[in-house]
Amino acid sequence: ADNTDLSLGADQAFSISAWVYLDSLDSTGNTIIAKTDDTLTTALASEF
């Protein structure tokens, strides 16, 4: 859940790192990490 430790500023420098291993290349994509919501009409409205 969203909390102050995970909050970004208005123009925040940040990075995300991960090792990923794909079992398959699926037809609707594979999310590694996202801060998003099912009320959004486009993924570009996501925080990341």
All heavy atoms as atom14 arrays in JSON, in Angstrom:
{
  "sequence": "ADNTDLSLGADQAFSISAWVYLDSLDSTGNTIIAKTDDTLTTALASEF",
  "atom14_mask": [
    [1, 1, 1, 1, 1, 0, 0, 0, 0, 0, 0, 0, 0, 0],
    [1, 1, 1, 1, 1, 1, 1, 1, 0, 0, 0, 0, 0, 0],
    [1, 1, 1, 1, 1, 1, 1, 1, 0, 0, 0, 0, 0, 0],
    [1, 1, 1, 1, 1, 1, 1, 0, 0, 0, 0, 0, 0, 0],
    [1, 1, 1, 1, 1, 1, 1, 1, 0, 0, 0, 0, 0, 0],
    [1, 1, 1, 1, 1, 1, 1, 1, 0, 0, 0, 0, 0, 0],
    [1, 1, 1, 1, 1, 1, 0, 0, 0, 0, 0, 0, 0, 0],
    [1, 1, 1, 1, 1, 1, 1, 1, 0, 0, 0, 0, 0, 0],
    [1, 1, 1, 1, 0, 0, 0, 0, 0, 0, 0, 0, 0, 0],
    [1, 1, 1, 1, 1, 0, 0, 0, 0, 0, 0, 0, 0, 0],
    [1, 1, 1, 1, 1, 1, 1, 1, 0, 0, 0, 0, 0, 0],
    [1, 1, 1, 1, 1, 1, 1, 1, 1, 0, 0, 0, 0, 0],
    [1, 1, 1, 1, 1, 0, 0, 0, 0, 0, 0, 0, 0, 0],
    [1, 1, 1, 1, 1, 1, 1, 1, 1, 1, 1, 0, 0, 0],
    [1, 1, 1, 1, 1, 1, 0, 0, 0, 0, 0, 0, 0, 0],
    [1, 1, 1, 1, 1, 1, 1, 1, 0, 0, 0, 0, 0, 0],
    [1, 1, 1, 1, 1, 1, 0, 0, 0, 0, 0, 0, 0, 0],
    [1, 1, 1, 1, 1, 0, 0, 0, 0, 0, 0, 0, 0, 0],
    [1, 1, 1, 1, 1, 1, 1, 1, 1, 1, 1, 1, 1, 1],
    [1, 1, 1, 1, 1, 1, 1, 0, 0, 0, 0, 0, 0, 0],
    [1, 1, 1, 1, 1, 1, 1, 1, 1, 1, 1, 1, 0, 0],
    [1, 1, 1, 1, 1, 1, 1, 1, 0, 0, 0, 0, 0, 0],
    [1, 1, 1, 1, 1, 1, 1, 1, 0, 0, 0, 0, 0, 0],
    [1, 1, 1, 1, 1, 1, 0, 0, 0, 0, 0, 0, 0, 0],
    [1, 1, 1, 1, 1, 1, 1, 1, 0, 0, 0, 0, 0, 0],
    [1, 1, 1, 1, 1, 1, 1, 1, 0, 0, 0, 0, 0, 0],
    [1, 1, 1, 1, 1, 1, 0, 0, 0, 0, 0, 0, 0, 0],
    [1, 1, 1, 1, 1, 1, 1, 0, 0, 0, 0, 0, 0, 0],
    [1, 1, 1, 1, 0, 0, 0, 0, 0, 0, 0, 0, 0, 0],
    [1, 1, 1, 1, 1, 1, 1, 1, 0, 0, 0, 0, 0, 0],
    [1, 1, 1, 1, 1, 1, 1, 0, 0, 0, 0, 0, 0, 0],
    [1, 1, 1, 1, 1, 1, 1, 1, 0, 0, 0, 0, 0, 0],
    [1, 1, 1, 1, 1, 1, 1, 1, 0, 0, 0, 0, 0, 0],
    [1, 1, 1, 1, 1, 0, 0, 0, 0, 0, 0, 0, 0, 0],
    [1, 1, 1, 1, 1, 1, 1, 1, 1, 0, 0, 0, 0, 0],
    [1, 1, 1, 1, 1, 1, 1, 0, 0, 0, 0, 0, 0, 0],
    [1, 1, 1, 1, 1, 1, 1, 1, 0, 0, 0, 0, 0, 0],
    [1, 1, 1, 1, 1, 1, 1, 1, 0, 0, 0, 0, 0, 0],
    [1, 1, 1, 1, 1, 1, 1, 0, 0, 0, 0, 0, 0, 0],
    [1, 1, 1, 1, 1, 1, 1, 1, 0, 0, 0, 0, 0, 0],
    [1, 1, 1, 1, 1, 1, 1, 0, 0, 0, 0, 0, 0, 0],
    [1, 1, 1, 1, 1, 1, 1, 0, 0, 0, 0, 0, 0, 0],
    [1, 1, 1, 1, 1, 0, 0, 0, 0, 0, 0, 0, 0, 0],
    [1, 1, 1, 1, 1, 1, 1, 1, 0, 0, 0, 0, 0, 0],
    [1, 1, 1, 1, 1, 0, 0, 0, 0, 0, 0, 0, 0, 0],
    [1, 1, 1, 1, 1, 1, 0, 0, 0, 0, 0, 0, 0, 0],
    [1, 1, 1, 1, 1, 1, 1, 1, 1, 0, 0, 0, 0, 0],
    [1, 1, 1, 1, 1, 1, 1, 1, 1, 1, 1, 0, 0, 0]
  ],
  "atom14_positions": [
    [[0.83, -1.2, 0.0], [0.0, 0.0, 0.0], [0.87, 1.25, 0.0], [1.98, 1.26, 0.55], [-0.93, 0.0, 1.21], [0.0, 0.0, 0.0], [0.0, 0.0, 0.0], [0.0, 0.0, 0.0], [0.0, 0.0, 0.0], [0.0, 0.0, 0.0], [0.0, 0.0, 0.0], [0.0, 0.0, 0.0], [0.0, 0.0, 0.0], [0.0, 0.0, 0.0]],
    [[0.37, 2.3, -0.62], [1.1, 3.56, -0.65], [1.38, 4.05, 0.77], [0.56, 3.9, 1.67], [0.27, 4.61, -1.4], [0.97, 5.96, -1.44], [2.12, 6.01, -1.93], [0.37, 6.95, -0.98], [0.0, 0.0, 0.0], [0.0, 0.0, 0.0], [0.0, 0.0, 0.0], [0.0, 0.0, 0.0], [0.0, 0.0, 0.0], [0.0, 0.0, 0.0]],
    [[2.57, 4.6, 0.96], [2.95, 5.16, 2.26], [4.03, 6.21, 2.02], [4.55, 6.34, 0.9], [3.42, 4.07, 3.22], [4.65, 3.35, 2.71], [5.77, 3.83, 2.87], [4.45, 2.19, 2.07], [0.0, 0.0, 0.0], [0.0, 0.0, 0.0], [0.0, 0.0, 0.0], [0.0, 0.0, 0.0], [0.0, 0.0, 0.0], [0.0, 0.0, 0.0]],
    [[4.37, 6.96, 3.03], [5.3, 8.08, 2.85], [6.68, 7.62, 2.4], [7.37, 8.34, 1.69], [5.44, 8.89, 4.15], [5.81, 8.01, 5.22], [4.11, 9.55, 4.5], [0.0, 0.0, 0.0], [0.0, 0.0, 0.0], [0.0, 0.0, 0.0], [0.0, 0.0, 0.0], [0.0, 0.0, 0.0], [0.0, 0.0, 0.0], [0.0, 0.0, 0.0]],
    [[7.09, 6.42, 2.81], [8.4, 5.92, 2.4], [8.48, 5.66, 0.91], [9.57, 5.63, 0.33], [8.74, 4.63, 3.15], [9.02, 4.87, 4.63], [9.18, 6.05, 5.01], [9.07, 3.89, 5.38], [0.0, 0.0, 0.0], [0.0, 0.0, 0.0], [0.0, 0.0, 0.0], [0.0, 0.0, 0.0], [0.0, 0.0, 0.0], [0.0, 0.0, 0.0]],
    [[7.34, 5.43, 0.27], [7.3, 5.13, -1.16], [6.86, 6.32, -2.0], [6.6, 6.18, -3.19], [6.36, 3.94, -1.42], [6.76, 2.62, -0.78], [5.69, 1.57, -1.0], [8.1, 2.15, -1.32], [0.0, 0.0, 0.0], [0.0, 0.0, 0.0], [0.0, 0.0, 0.0], [0.0, 0.0, 0.0], [0.0, 0.0, 0.0], [0.0, 0.0, 0.0]],
    [[6.78, 7.48, -1.39], [6.28, 8.66, -2.09], [7.41, 9.39, -2.81], [8.52, 9.55, -2.26], [5.6, 9.63, -1.1], [4.46, 9.03, -0.53], [0.0, 0.0, 0.0], [0.0, 0.0, 0.0], [0.0, 0.0, 0.0], [0.0, 0.0, 0.0], [0.0, 0.0, 0.0], [0.0, 0.0, 0.0], [0.0, 0.0, 0.0], [0.0, 0.0, 0.0]],
    [[7.13, 9.86, -4.02], [8.08, 10.65, -4.79], [7.7, 12.12, -4.73], [6.53, 12.46, -4.51], [8.07, 10.19, -6.26], [8.49, 8.75, -6.53], [8.31, 8.43, -8.01], [9.94, 8.51, -6.1], [0.0, 0.0, 0.0], [0.0, 0.0, 0.0], [0.0, 0.0, 0.0], [0.0, 0.0, 0.0], [0.0, 0.0, 0.0], [0.0, 0.0, 0.0]],
    [[8.67, 12.99, -4.93], [8.4, 14.41, -5.04], [7.91, 14.76, -6.43], [7.7, 13.9, -7.28], [0.0, 0.0, 0.0], [0.0, 0.0, 0.0], [0.0, 0.0, 0.0], [0.0, 0.0, 0.0], [0.0, 0.0, 0.0], [0.0, 0.0, 0.0], [0.0, 0.0, 0.0], [0.0, 0.0, 0.0], [0.0, 0.0, 0.0], [0.0, 0.0, 0.0]],
    [[7.76, 16.06, -6.68], [7.24, 16.51, -7.97], [8.22, 16.3, -9.11], [7.82, 16.18, -10.26], [6.86, 17.99, -7.88], [0.0, 0.0, 0.0], [0.0, 0.0, 0.0], [0.0, 0.0, 0.0], [0.0, 0.0, 0.0], [0.0, 0.0, 0.0], [0.0, 0.0, 0.0], [0.0, 0.0, 0.0], [0.0, 0.0, 0.0], [0.0, 0.0, 0.0]],
    [[9.51, 16.24, -8.81], [10.51, 16.0, -9.84], [11.66, 15.22, -9.2], [12.78, 15.7, -9.09], [11.01, 17.32, -10.43], [11.71, 17.15, -11.77], [11.56, 16.08, -12.38], [12.41, 18.08, -12.21], [0.0, 0.0, 0.0], [0.0, 0.0, 0.0], [0.0, 0.0, 0.0], [0.0, 0.0, 0.0], [0.0, 0.0, 0.0], [0.0, 0.0, 0.0]],
    [[11.33, 13.99, -8.78], [12.21, 13.19, -7.92], [13.17, 12.32, -8.74], [12.76, 11.63, -9.67], [11.35, 12.27, -7.05], [12.12, 11.39, -6.1], [12.67, 12.18, -4.93], [11.9, 12.79, -4.19], [13.98, 12.17, -4.76], [0.0, 0.0, 0.0], [0.0, 0.0, 0.0], [0.0, 0.0, 0.0], [0.0, 0.0, 0.0], [0.0, 0.0, 0.0]],
    [[14.44, 12.35, -8.36], [15.4, 11.39, -8.89], [15.24, 10.07, -8.15], [15.18, 10.03, -6.93], [16.83, 11.91, -8.71], [0.0, 0.0, 0.0], [0.0, 0.0, 0.0], [0.0, 0.0, 0.0], [0.0, 0.0, 0.0], [0.0, 0.0, 0.0], [0.0, 0.0, 0.0], [0.0, 0.0, 0.0], [0.0, 0.0, 0.0], [0.0, 0.0, 0.0]],
    [[15.12, 8.97, -8.9], [15.02, 7.66, -8.26], [15.41, 6.58, -9.26], [15.52, 6.83, -10.46], [13.6, 7.41, -7.72], [12.56, 7.11, -8.77], [12.13, 5.8, -8.97], [12.01, 8.11, -9.54], [11.18, 5.51, -9.94], [11.04, 7.83, -10.5], [10.63, 6.52, -10.7], [0.0, 0.0, 0.0], [0.0, 0.0, 0.0], [0.0, 0.0, 0.0]],
    [[15.65, 5.39, -8.73], [15.96, 4.25, -9.59], [15.32, 2.99, -9.02], [15.07, 2.88, -7.82], [17.47, 4.06, -9.74], [18.04, 3.66, -8.52], [0.0, 0.0, 0.0], [0.0, 0.0, 0.0], [0.0, 0.0, 0.0], [0.0, 0.0, 0.0], [0.0, 0.0, 0.0], [0.0, 0.0, 0.0], [0.0, 0.0, 0.0], [0.0, 0.0, 0.0]],
    [[15.06, 2.04, -9.9], [14.52, 0.74, -9.54], [15.41, -0.31, -10.19], [15.74, -0.2, -11.37], [13.07, 0.56, -10.04], [12.14, 1.55, -9.35], [12.59, -0.87, -9.83], [10.75, 1.58, -9.93], [0.0, 0.0, 0.0], [0.0, 0.0, 0.0], [0.0, 0.0, 0.0], [0.0, 0.0, 0.0], [0.0, 0.0, 0.0], [0.0, 0.0, 0.0]],
    [[15.83, -1.32, -9.43], [16.65, -2.38, -10.03], [16.07, -3.74, -9.71], [15.47, -3.95, -8.64], [18.1, -2.28, -9.56], [18.26, -2.84, -8.28], [0.0, 0.0, 0.0], [0.0, 0.0, 0.0], [0.0, 0.0, 0.0], [0.0, 0.0, 0.0], [0.0, 0.0, 0.0], [0.0, 0.0, 0.0], [0.0, 0.0, 0.0], [0.0, 0.0, 0.0]],
    [[16.26, -4.69, -10.61], [15.77, -6.04, -10.41], [16.44, -7.0, -11.38], [16.85, -6.61, -12.47], [14.26, -6.1, -10.62], [0.0, 0.0, 0.0], [0.0, 0.0, 0.0], [0.0, 0.0, 0.0], [0.0, 0.0, 0.0], [0.0, 0.0, 0.0], [0.0, 0.0, 0.0], [0.0, 0.0, 0.0], [0.0, 0.0, 0.0], [0.0, 0.0, 0.0]],
    [[16.57, -8.24, -10.95], [16.89, -9.34, -11.86], [15.57, -9.97, -12.28], [14.69, -10.22, -11.44], [17.74, -10.39, -11.16], [19.18, -10.0, -10.96], [19.72, -9.38, -9.87], [20.25, -10.2, -11.88], [21.07, -9.18, -10.06], [21.42, -9.68, -11.28], [20.34, -10.78, -13.15], [22.66, -9.71, -11.89], [21.57, -10.82, -13.78], [22.72, -10.29, -13.15]],
    [[15.4, -10.22, -13.57], [14.16, -10.81, -14.07], [14.47, -11.99, -14.97], [15.49, -12.02, -15.68], [13.29, -9.78, -14.81], [12.88, -8.65, -13.88], [13.99, -9.24, -16.03], [0.0, 0.0, 0.0], [0.0, 0.0, 0.0], [0.0, 0.0, 0.0], [0.0, 0.0, 0.0], [0.0, 0.0, 0.0], [0.0, 0.0, 0.0], [0.0, 0.0, 0.0]],
    [[13.57, -12.96, -14.95], [13.72, -14.21, -15.7], [12.34, -14.53, -16.26], [11.41, -14.85, -15.52], [14.2, -15.28, -14.74], [14.44, -16.67, -15.28], [15.74, -17.12, -15.53], [13.39, -17.56, -15.49], [15.97, -18.42, -15.98], [13.62, -18.85, -15.94], [14.91, -19.28, -16.18], [15.15, -20.56, -16.61], [0.0, 0.0, 0.0], [0.0, 0.0, 0.0]],
    [[12.18, -14.41, -17.56], [10.89, -14.6, -18.21], [10.69, -16.06, -18.57], [11.49, -16.65, -19.31], [10.79, -13.74, -19.47], [10.81, -12.22, -19.26], [11.15, -11.52, -20.56], [9.47, -11.75, -18.71], [0.0, 0.0, 0.0], [0.0, 0.0, 0.0], [0.0, 0.0, 0.0], [0.0, 0.0, 0.0], [0.0, 0.0, 0.0], [0.0, 0.0, 0.0]],
    [[9.59, -16.65, -18.08], [9.23, -18.01, -18.5], [8.58, -18.0, -19.88], [8.65, -18.98, -20.6], [8.27, -18.64, -17.49], [8.98, -19.07, -16.21], [10.22, -19.21, -16.22], [8.29, -19.24, -15.19], [0.0, 0.0, 0.0], [0.0, 0.0, 0.0], [0.0, 0.0, 0.0], [0.0, 0.0, 0.0], [0.0, 0.0, 0.0], [0.0, 0.0, 0.0]],
    [[7.92, -16.89, -20.21], [7.27, -16.77, -21.51], [7.12, -15.3, -21.85], [7.16, -14.43, -20.98], [5.89, -17.45, -21.49], [5.06, -16.85, -20.51], [0.0, 0.0, 0.0], [0.0, 0.0, 0.0], [0.0, 0.0, 0.0], [0.0, 0.0, 0.0], [0.0, 0.0, 0.0], [0.0, 0.0, 0.0], [0.0, 0.0, 0.0], [0.0, 0.0, 0.0]],
    [[6.96, -15.01, -23.14], [6.73, -13.65, -23.63], [5.24, -13.56, -23.95], [4.79, -13.92, -25.03], [7.58, -13.36, -24.87], [9.09, -13.55, -24.7], [9.81, -13.26, -26.0], [9.64, -12.67, -23.58], [0.0, 0.0, 0.0], [0.0, 0.0, 0.0], [0.0, 0.0, 0.0], [0.0, 0.0, 0.0], [0.0, 0.0, 0.0], [0.0, 0.0, 0.0]],
    [[4.46, -13.09, -22.97], [3.01, -13.21, -23.08], [2.37, -12.09, -23.89], [2.92, -11.0, -24.02], [2.4, -13.27, -21.68], [2.76, -14.57, -20.98], [2.23, -15.61, -21.37], [3.6, -14.53, -20.05], [0.0, 0.0, 0.0], [0.0, 0.0, 0.0], [0.0, 0.0, 0.0], [0.0, 0.0, 0.0], [0.0, 0.0, 0.0], [0.0, 0.0, 0.0]],
    [[1.18, -12.36, -24.38], [0.53, -11.49, -25.36], [0.07, -10.16, -24.79], [-0.24, -9.24, -25.55], [-0.66, -12.21, -25.98], [-1.6, -12.58, -24.99], [0.0, 0.0, 0.0], [0.0, 0.0, 0.0], [0.0, 0.0, 0.0], [0.0, 0.0, 0.0], [0.0, 0.0, 0.0], [0.0, 0.0, 0.0], [0.0, 0.0, 0.0], [0.0, 0.0, 0.0]],
    [[-0.04, -10.03, -23.47], [-0.41, -8.74, -22.88], [0.7, -8.16, -22.03], [0.47, -7.24, -21.25], [-1.69, -8.87, -22.04], [-1.51, -9.9, -21.05], [-2.89, -9.21, -22.9], [0.0, 0.0, 0.0], [0.0, 0.0, 0.0], [0.0, 0.0, 0.0], [0.0, 0.0, 0.0], [0.0, 0.0, 0.0], [0.0, 0.0, 0.0], [0.0, 0.0, 0.0]],
    [[1.92, -8.69, -22.16], [3.04, -8.12, -21.44], [3.23, -8.72, -20.06], [2.37, -9.42, -19.54], [0.0, 0.0, 0.0], [0.0, 0.0, 0.0], [0.0, 0.0, 0.0], [0.0, 0.0, 0.0], [0.0, 0.0, 0.0], [0.0, 0.0, 0.0], [0.0, 0.0, 0.0], [0.0, 0.0, 0.0], [0.0, 0.0, 0.0], [0.0, 0.0, 0.0]],
    [[4.38, -8.42, -19.47], [4.76, -8.93, -18.15], [5.23, -7.78, -17.29], [6.32, -7.23, -17.52], [5.89, -9.95, -18.28], [5.47, -11.27, -18.9], [5.15, -12.22, -18.21], [5.48, -11.33, -20.22], [0.0, 0.0, 0.0], [0.0, 0.0, 0.0], [0.0, 0.0, 0.0], [0.0, 0.0, 0.0], [0.0, 0.0, 0.0], [0.0, 0.0, 0.0]],
    [[4.46, -7.39, -16.28], [4.88, -6.31, -15.38], [5.88, -6.83, -14.35], [5.65, -7.84, -13.69], [3.67, -5.72, -14.64], [2.87, -5.0, -15.57], [4.11, -4.76, -13.53], [0.0, 0.0, 0.0], [0.0, 0.0, 0.0], [0.0, 0.0, 0.0], [0.0, 0.0, 0.0], [0.0, 0.0, 0.0], [0.0, 0.0, 0.0], [0.0, 0.0, 0.0]],
    [[6.97, -6.1, -14.2], [7.95, -6.39, -13.17], [7.57, -5.64, -11.89], [7.43, -6.24, -10.83], [9.36, -5.99, -13.65], [9.71, -6.8, -14.9], [10.4, -6.22, -12.54], [10.8, -6.18, -15.74], [0.0, 0.0, 0.0], [0.0, 0.0, 0.0], [0.0, 0.0, 0.0], [0.0, 0.0, 0.0], [0.0, 0.0, 0.0], [0.0, 0.0, 0.0]],
    [[7.4, -4.34, -11.99], [6.93, -3.53, -10.87], [6.16, -2.34, -11.42], [6.48, -1.81, -12.49], [8.11, -3.04, -9.98], [7.59, -2.27, -8.75], [9.11, -2.21, -10.78], [8.66, -1.98, -7.71], [0.0, 0.0, 0.0], [0.0, 0.0, 0.0], [0.0, 0.0, 0.0], [0.0, 0.0, 0.0], [0.0, 0.0, 0.0], [0.0, 0.0, 0.0]],
    [[5.12, -1.93, -10.71], [4.32, -0.78, -11.14], [3.69, -0.12, -9.92], [3.38, -0.79, -8.93], [3.22, -1.2, -12.12], [0.0, 0.0, 0.0], [0.0, 0.0, 0.0], [0.0, 0.0, 0.0], [0.0, 0.0, 0.0], [0.0, 0.0, 0.0], [0.0, 0.0, 0.0], [0.0, 0.0, 0.0], [0.0, 0.0, 0.0], [0.0, 0.0, 0.0]],
    [[3.51, 1.17, -10.01], [2.7, 1.89, -9.04], [1.56, 2.48, -9.85], [1.7, 3.5, -10.53], [3.49, 2.97, -8.3], [2.75, 3.49, -7.06], [3.58, 4.46, -6.24], [2.79, 4.84, -4.97], [3.42, 5.97, -4.25], [0.0, 0.0, 0.0], [0.0, 0.0, 0.0], [0.0, 0.0, 0.0], [0.0, 0.0, 0.0], [0.0, 0.0, 0.0]],
    [[0.42, 1.79, -9.8], [-0.67, 2.08, -10.72], [-2.0, 1.73, -10.07], [-2.04, 1.32, -8.91], [-0.46, 1.32, -12.05], [-1.47, 1.69, -12.98], [-0.51, -0.19, -11.84], [0.0, 0.0, 0.0], [0.0, 0.0, 0.0], [0.0, 0.0, 0.0], [0.0, 0.0, 0.0], [0.0, 0.0, 0.0], [0.0, 0.0, 0.0], [0.0, 0.0, 0.0]],
    [[-3.09, 1.83, -10.83], [-4.41, 1.62, -10.27], [-5.37, 1.21, -11.38], [-5.21, 1.64, -12.54], [-4.91, 2.92, -9.61], [-6.17, 2.71, -8.81], [-6.09, 2.17, -7.69], [-7.25, 3.08, -9.31], [0.0, 0.0, 0.0], [0.0, 0.0, 0.0], [0.0, 0.0, 0.0], [0.0, 0.0, 0.0], [0.0, 0.0, 0.0], [0.0, 0.0, 0.0]],
    [[-6.37, 0.39, -11.04], [-7.28, -0.1, -12.08], [-8.32, 0.94, -12.5], [-9.17, 0.67, -13.34], [-7.97, -1.4, -11.65], [-8.79, -1.26, -10.38], [-8.95, -0.14, -9.88], [-9.27, -2.3, -9.88], [0.0, 0.0, 0.0], [0.0, 0.0, 0.0], [0.0, 0.0, 0.0], [0.0, 0.0, 0.0], [0.0, 0.0, 0.0], [0.0, 0.0, 0.0]],
    [[-8.25, 2.15, -11.94], [-9.13, 3.24, -12.41], [-8.5, 3.99, -13.58], [-9.16, 4.82, -14.21], [-9.42, 4.24, -11.28], [-8.18, 4.85, -10.86], [-10.07, 3.55, -10.1], [0.0, 0.0, 0.0], [0.0, 0.0, 0.0], [0.0, 0.0, 0.0], [0.0, 0.0, 0.0], [0.0, 0.0, 0.0], [0.0, 0.0, 0.0], [0.0, 0.0, 0.0]],
    [[-7.24, 3.72, -13.87], [-6.53, 4.46, -14.91], [-6.89, 3.92, -16.28], [-7.05, 2.72, -16.48], [-5.02, 4.35, -14.7], [-4.49, 4.83, -13.35], [-2.98, 4.63, -13.28], [-4.85, 6.29, -13.11], [0.0, 0.0, 0.0], [0.0, 0.0, 0.0], [0.0, 0.0, 0.0], [0.0, 0.0, 0.0], [0.0, 0.0, 0.0], [0.0, 0.0, 0.0]],
    [[-7.03, 4.82, -17.25], [-7.37, 4.41, -18.61], [-6.15, 4.18, -19.48], [-6.26, 3.63, -20.57], [-8.27, 5.46, -19.28], [-7.6, 6.72, -19.28], [-9.6, 5.58, -18.53], [0.0, 0.0, 0.0], [0.0, 0.0, 0.0], [0.0, 0.0, 0.0], [0.0, 0.0, 0.0], [0.0, 0.0, 0.0], [0.0, 0.0, 0.0], [0.0, 0.0, 0.0]],
    [[-4.98, 4.58, -19.0], [-3.74, 4.36, -19.74], [-2.61, 4.13, -18.77], [-2.58, 4.7, -17.68], [-3.41, 5.55, -20.65], [-2.09, 5.38, -21.21], [-3.44, 6.86, -19.87], [0.0, 0.0, 0.0], [0.0, 0.0, 0.0], [0.0, 0.0, 0.0], [0.0, 0.0, 0.0], [0.0, 0.0, 0.0], [0.0, 0.0, 0.0], [0.0, 0.0, 0.0]],
    [[-1.67, 3.27, -19.17], [-0.53, 2.99, -18.3], [0.33, 4.23, -18.08], [1.04, 4.33, -17.08], [0.31, 1.87, -18.9], [0.0, 0.0, 0.0], [0.0, 0.0, 0.0], [0.0, 0.0, 0.0], [0.0, 0.0, 0.0], [0.0, 0.0, 0.0], [0.0, 0.0, 0.0], [0.0, 0.0, 0.0], [0.0, 0.0, 0.0], [0.0, 0.0, 0.0]],
    [[0.27, 5.2, -19.0], [1.09, 6.4, -18.85], [0.62, 7.3, -17.71], [1.32, 8.22, -17.32], [1.11, 7.19, -20.16], [1.93, 6.57, -21.29], [1.87, 7.44, -22.54], [3.37, 6.34, -20.87], [0.0, 0.0, 0.0], [0.0, 0.0, 0.0], [0.0, 0.0, 0.0], [0.0, 0.0, 0.0], [0.0, 0.0, 0.0], [0.0, 0.0, 0.0]],
    [[-0.57, 7.04, -17.18], [-1.02, 7.77, -16.0], [-0.46, 7.17, -14.71], [-0.6, 7.76, -13.64], [-2.55, 7.8, -15.95], [0.0, 0.0, 0.0], [0.0, 0.0, 0.0], [0.0, 0.0, 0.0], [0.0, 0.0, 0.0], [0.0, 0.0, 0.0], [0.0, 0.0, 0.0], [0.0, 0.0, 0.0], [0.0, 0.0, 0.0], [0.0, 0.0, 0.0]],
    [[0.17, 6.01, -14.81], [0.79, 5.38, -13.65], [1.92, 6.24, -13.11], [2.5, 7.05, -13.83], [1.36, 4.01, -14.04], [0.38, 3.18, -14.62], [0.0, 0.0, 0.0], [0.0, 0.0, 0.0], [0.0, 0.0, 0.0], [0.0, 0.0, 0.0], [0.0, 0.0, 0.0], [0.0, 0.0, 0.0], [0.0, 0.0, 0.0], [0.0, 0.0, 0.0]],
    [[2.24, 6.05, -11.84], [3.41, 6.75, -11.29], [4.68, 6.21, -11.94], [5.55, 6.97, -12.34], [3.45, 6.58, -9.78], [4.46, 7.49, -9.11], [4.24, 7.6, -7.62], [3.1, 7.46, -7.14], [5.24, 7.82, -6.91], [0.0, 0.0, 0.0], [0.0, 0.0, 0.0], [0.0, 0.0, 0.0], [0.0, 0.0, 0.0], [0.0, 0.0, 0.0]],
    [[4.79, 4.88, -12.04], [5.86, 4.26, -12.81], [5.44, 2.84, -13.16], [4.58, 2.23, -12.52], [7.21, 4.27, -12.07], [7.19, 3.67, -10.69], [7.19, 2.29, -10.5], [7.19, 4.49, -9.56], [7.19, 1.74, -9.23], [7.18, 3.95, -8.28], [7.17, 2.57, -8.12], [0.0, 0.0, 0.0], [0.0, 0.0, 0.0], [0.0, 0.0, 0.0]]
  ]
}
